[in-house]
C-alpha atoms as a PDB file:
ATOM      1  CA  MET A   1       0.008  -0.003   0.030  1.00  0.00           C
ATOM      2  CA  GLN A   2       1.437   3.390  -0.929  1.00  0.00           C
ATOM      3  CA  THR A   3       1.691   6.434   1.280  1.00  0.00           C
ATOM      4  CA  ILE A   4       0.064   9.764   0.535  1.00  0.00           C
ATOM      5  CA  ASP A   5       3.517  11.151  -0.472  1.00  0.00           C
ATOM      6  CA  GLU A   6       4.081   8.226  -2.818  1.00  0.00           C
ATOM      7  CA  ALA A   7       0.690   8.638  -4.480  1.00  0.00           C
ATOM      8  CA  LEU A   8       1.180  12.358  -4.930  1.00  0.00           C
ATOM      9  CA  GLN A   9       4.592  11.773  -6.332  1.00  0.00           C
ATOM     10  CA  LYS A  10       3.273   9.200  -8.796  1.00  0.00           C
ATOM     11  CA  LEU A  11       0.425  11.531  -9.891  1.00  0.00           C
ATOM     12  CA  LYS A  12       2.979  14.162 -10.778  1.00  0.00           C
ATOM     13  CA  THR A  13       4.295  11.916 -13.486  1.00  0.00           C
ATOM     14  CA  SER A  14       0.944  12.143 -15.314  1.00  0.00           C
ATOM     15  CA  LYS A  15       0.741  15.061 -17.673  1.00  0.00           C
ATOM     16  CA  PHE A  16      -3.054  15.044 -17.232  1.00  0.00           C
ATOM     17  CA  ARG A  17      -3.228  14.748 -13.366  1.00  0.00           C
ATOM     18  CA  SER A  18      -0.352  17.256 -12.863  1.00  0.00           C
ATOM     19  CA  SER A  19      -2.129  19.838 -15.003  1.00  0.00           C
ATOM     20  CA  PHE A  20      -4.639  20.536 -12.234  1.00  0.00           C
ATOM     21  CA  SER A  21      -4.147  23.305  -9.660  1.00  0.00           C
ATOM     22  CA  LEU A  22      -6.236  25.471  -7.468  1.00  0.00           C
ATOM     23  CA  THR A  23      -6.922  28.948  -8.834  1.00  0.00           C
ATOM     24  CA  GLU A  24      -6.757  32.005  -6.584  1.00  0.00           C
ATOM     25  CA  LYS A  25     -10.641  31.986  -6.448  1.00  0.00           C
ATOM     26  CA  ASP A  26     -10.412  28.253  -5.236  1.00  0.00           C
ATOM     27  CA  LYS A  27      -7.847  29.194  -2.608  1.00  0.00           C
ATOM     28  CA  ALA A  28      -9.924  32.105  -1.451  1.00  0.00           C
ATOM     29  CA  TYR A  29     -12.837  29.774  -1.099  1.00  0.00           C
ATOM     30  CA  VAL A  30     -10.826  27.421   1.106  1.00  0.00           C
ATOM     31  CA  ARG A  31      -9.663  30.313   3.221  1.00  0.00           C
ATOM     32  CA  ASP A  32     -13.155  31.695   3.564  1.00  0.00           C
ATOM     33  CA  LYS A  33     -14.818  28.374   4.397  1.00  0.00           C
ATOM     34  CA  GLY A  34     -12.053  26.992   6.429  1.00  0.00           C
ATOM     35  CA  ILE A  35     -10.276  23.654   6.128  1.00  0.00           C
ATOM     36  CA  ASP A  36     -12.655  21.763   8.368  1.00  0.00           C
ATOM     37  CA  THR A  37     -15.562  22.724   6.210  1.00  0.00           C
ATOM     38  CA  ILE A  38     -13.690  21.673   2.983  1.00  0.00           C
ATOM     39  CA  ARG A  39     -12.936  18.333   4.635  1.00  0.00           C
ATOM     40  CA  ARG A  40     -16.679  17.826   5.367  1.00  0.00           C
ATOM     41  CA  HIS A  41     -17.396  18.764   1.700  1.00  0.00           C
ATOM     42  CA  ALA A  42     -14.823  16.158   0.649  1.00  0.00           C
ATOM     43  CA  HIS A  43     -16.415  13.447   2.929  1.00  0.00           C
ATOM     44  CA  ASP A  44     -19.866  14.318   1.440  1.00  0.00           C
ATOM     45  CA  PHE A  45     -18.601  14.269  -2.188  1.00  0.00           C
ATOM     46  CA  VAL A  46     -16.797  10.873  -1.739  1.00  0.00           C
ATOM     47  CA  ARG A  47     -19.652   9.285   0.109  1.00  0.00           C
ATOM     48  CA  GLN A  48     -22.337  10.436  -2.377  1.00  0.00           C
ATOM     49  CA  ARG A  49     -20.535  10.404  -5.687  1.00  0.00           C
ATOM     50  CA  LEU A  50     -17.739   7.772  -5.364  1.00  0.00           C
ATOM     51  CA  ALA A  51     -18.620   5.323  -2.538  1.00  0.00           C
ATOM     52  CA  PRO A  52     -21.706   3.578  -3.902  1.00  0.00           C
ATOM     53  CA  ALA A  53     -21.262   0.229  -5.521  1.00  0.00           C
ATOM     54  CA  VAL A  54     -23.221   1.331  -8.617  1.00  0.00           C
ATOM     55  CA  ILE A  55     -22.862   4.785 -10.000  1.00  0.00           C
ATOM     56  CA  PRO A  56     -25.114   5.336 -13.047  1.00  0.00           C
ATOM     57  CA  ASN A  57     -23.014   8.121 -14.474  1.00  0.00           C
ATOM     58  CA  ASP A  58     -19.613   6.861 -13.468  1.00  0.00           C
ATOM     59  CA  GLY A  59     -16.841   8.708 -15.236  1.00  0.00           C
ATOM     60  CA  ARG A  60     -18.927  11.828 -15.480  1.00  0.00           C
ATOM     61  CA  GLN A  61     -20.067  12.422 -11.789  1.00  0.00           C
ATOM     62  CA  THR A  62     -17.295  14.831 -10.878  1.00  0.00           C
ATOM     63  CA  PRO A  63     -17.295  18.349 -12.429  1.00  0.00           C
ATOM     64  CA  MET A  64     -13.890  19.720 -13.713  1.00  0.00           C
ATOM     65  CA  HIS A  65     -14.429  22.983 -11.783  1.00  0.00           C
ATOM     66  CA  GLY A  66     -16.670  24.744  -9.266  1.00  0.00           C
ATOM     67  CA  HIS A  67     -15.240  23.474  -6.031  1.00  0.00           C
ATOM     68  CA  PRO A  68     -11.581  22.876  -4.745  1.00  0.00           C
ATOM     69  CA  VAL A  69     -12.468  19.289  -3.854  1.00  0.00           C
ATOM     70  CA  PHE A  70     -13.619  18.582  -7.473  1.00  0.00           C
ATOM     71  CA  ILE A  71     -10.192  19.818  -8.690  1.00  0.00           C
ATOM     72  CA  ALA A  72      -8.444  17.642  -6.157  1.00  0.00           C
ATOM     73  CA  GLN A  73     -10.443  14.600  -7.106  1.00  0.00           C
ATOM     74  CA  HIS A  74      -9.273  14.959 -10.730  1.00  0.00           C
ATOM     75  CA  ALA A  75      -5.673  15.843  -9.704  1.00  0.00           C
ATOM     76  CA  CYS A  76      -5.611  12.803  -7.440  1.00  0.00           C
ATOM     77  CA  ALA A  77      -7.439  10.293  -9.770  1.00  0.00           C
ATOM     78  CA  CYS A  78     -10.292  10.047  -7.295  1.00  0.00           C
ATOM     79  CA  CYS A  79     -12.972  11.418  -9.605  1.00  0.00           C
ATOM     80  CA  CYS A  80     -14.689   8.180 -10.602  1.00  0.00           C
ATOM     81  CA  ARG A  81     -14.483   4.397  -9.957  1.00  0.00           C
ATOM     82  CA  GLY A  82     -12.629   3.818 -13.193  1.00  0.00           C
ATOM     83  CA  CYS A  83      -9.833   6.084 -12.080  1.00  0.00           C
ATOM     84  CA  LEU A  84      -9.674   4.599  -8.613  1.00  0.00           C
ATOM     85  CA  ASN A  85      -9.432   1.180 -10.233  1.00  0.00           C
ATOM     86  CA  LYS A  86      -6.707   2.286 -12.622  1.00  0.00           C
ATOM     87  CA  TRP A  87      -4.581   4.183 -10.165  1.00  0.00           C
ATOM     88  CA  TYR A  88      -5.161   2.412  -6.951  1.00  0.00           C
ATOM     89  CA  ARG A  89      -6.604  -0.989  -7.890  1.00  0.00           C
ATOM     90  CA  VAL A  90      -9.887  -0.323  -6.009  1.00  0.00           C
ATOM     91  CA  PRO A  91     -12.410  -2.820  -7.423  1.00  0.00           C
ATOM     92  CA  LYS A  92     -15.400  -1.391  -9.255  1.00  0.00           C
ATOM     93  CA  GLU A  93     -18.939  -2.191  -8.291  1.00  0.00           C
ATOM     94  CA  ILE A  94     -18.097  -2.729  -4.582  1.00  0.00           C
ATOM     95  CA  GLU A  95     -19.224  -0.145  -2.078  1.00  0.00           C
ATOM     96  CA  LEU A  96     -16.223   1.709  -0.622  1.00  0.00           C
ATOM     97  CA  SER A  97     -15.645   1.103   3.073  1.00  0.00           C
ATOM     98  CA  ASP A  98     -15.466   3.880   5.606  1.00  0.00           C
ATOM     99  CA  MET A  99     -11.705   3.367   5.723  1.00  0.00           C
ATOM    100  CA  GLN A 100     -11.305   3.584   2.015  1.00  0.00           C
ATOM    101  CA  GLN A 101     -13.414   6.719   1.972  1.00  0.00           C
ATOM    102  CA  GLU A 102     -11.306   8.270   4.747  1.00  0.00           C
ATOM    103  CA  LYS A 103      -8.031   7.407   2.862  1.00  0.00           C
ATOM    104  CA  ILE A 104      -9.418   9.190  -0.267  1.00  0.00           C
ATOM    105  CA  VAL A 105     -10.444  12.265   1.753  1.00  0.00           C
ATOM    106  CA  ASN A 106      -7.021  12.373   3.337  1.00  0.00           C
ATOM    107  CA  LEU A 107      -5.282  12.221  -0.016  1.00  0.00           C
ATOM    108  CA  LEU A 108      -7.606  14.996  -1.431  1.00  0.00           C
ATOM    109  CA  MET A 109      -7.025  17.191   1.598  1.00  0.00           C
ATOM    110  CA  GLU A 110      -3.290  16.752   1.506  1.00  0.00           C
ATOM    111  CA  TRP A 111      -3.335  17.782  -2.181  1.00  0.00           C
ATOM    112  CA  ILE A 112      -5.390  20.863  -1.229  1.00  0.00           C
ATOM    113  CA  ARG A 113      -3.082  21.645   1.627  1.00  0.00           C
ATOM    114  CA  ARG A 114      -0.015  21.631  -0.611  1.00  0.00           C
ATOM    115  CA  GLN A 115      -1.781  23.696  -3.223  1.00  0.00           C
ATOM    116  CA  MET A 116      -2.657  26.279  -0.613  1.00  0.00           C
ATOM    117  CA  GLN A 117       1.049  26.646   0.117  1.00  0.00           C
ATOM    118  CA  GLU A 118       1.970  27.498  -3.485  1.00  0.00           C
END
């Protein structure tokens, strides 16, 4: 199992994944709402859009903009079950456990934290 640092390093090698970054507007949103609220949003998005065993619109459920967590999901390959399977070998069509969801949220939040420092 890879660490968050290892996952983020691997993602940097992808031209597509490394093309994502938070805009100043996104960063202002994070500062305005606070990191705890952003973490709650991440939990909600992962639970509702990624965790179910069957997702009718899998591959299209995560917008490319509009919220810092959406950007993080694309940057971290946590945007759909197909990407989770490809990058992290998470089986499709099996509901994500609470632990899996927490690991995804932790990865997303670390990516956001690093983006806020740039």
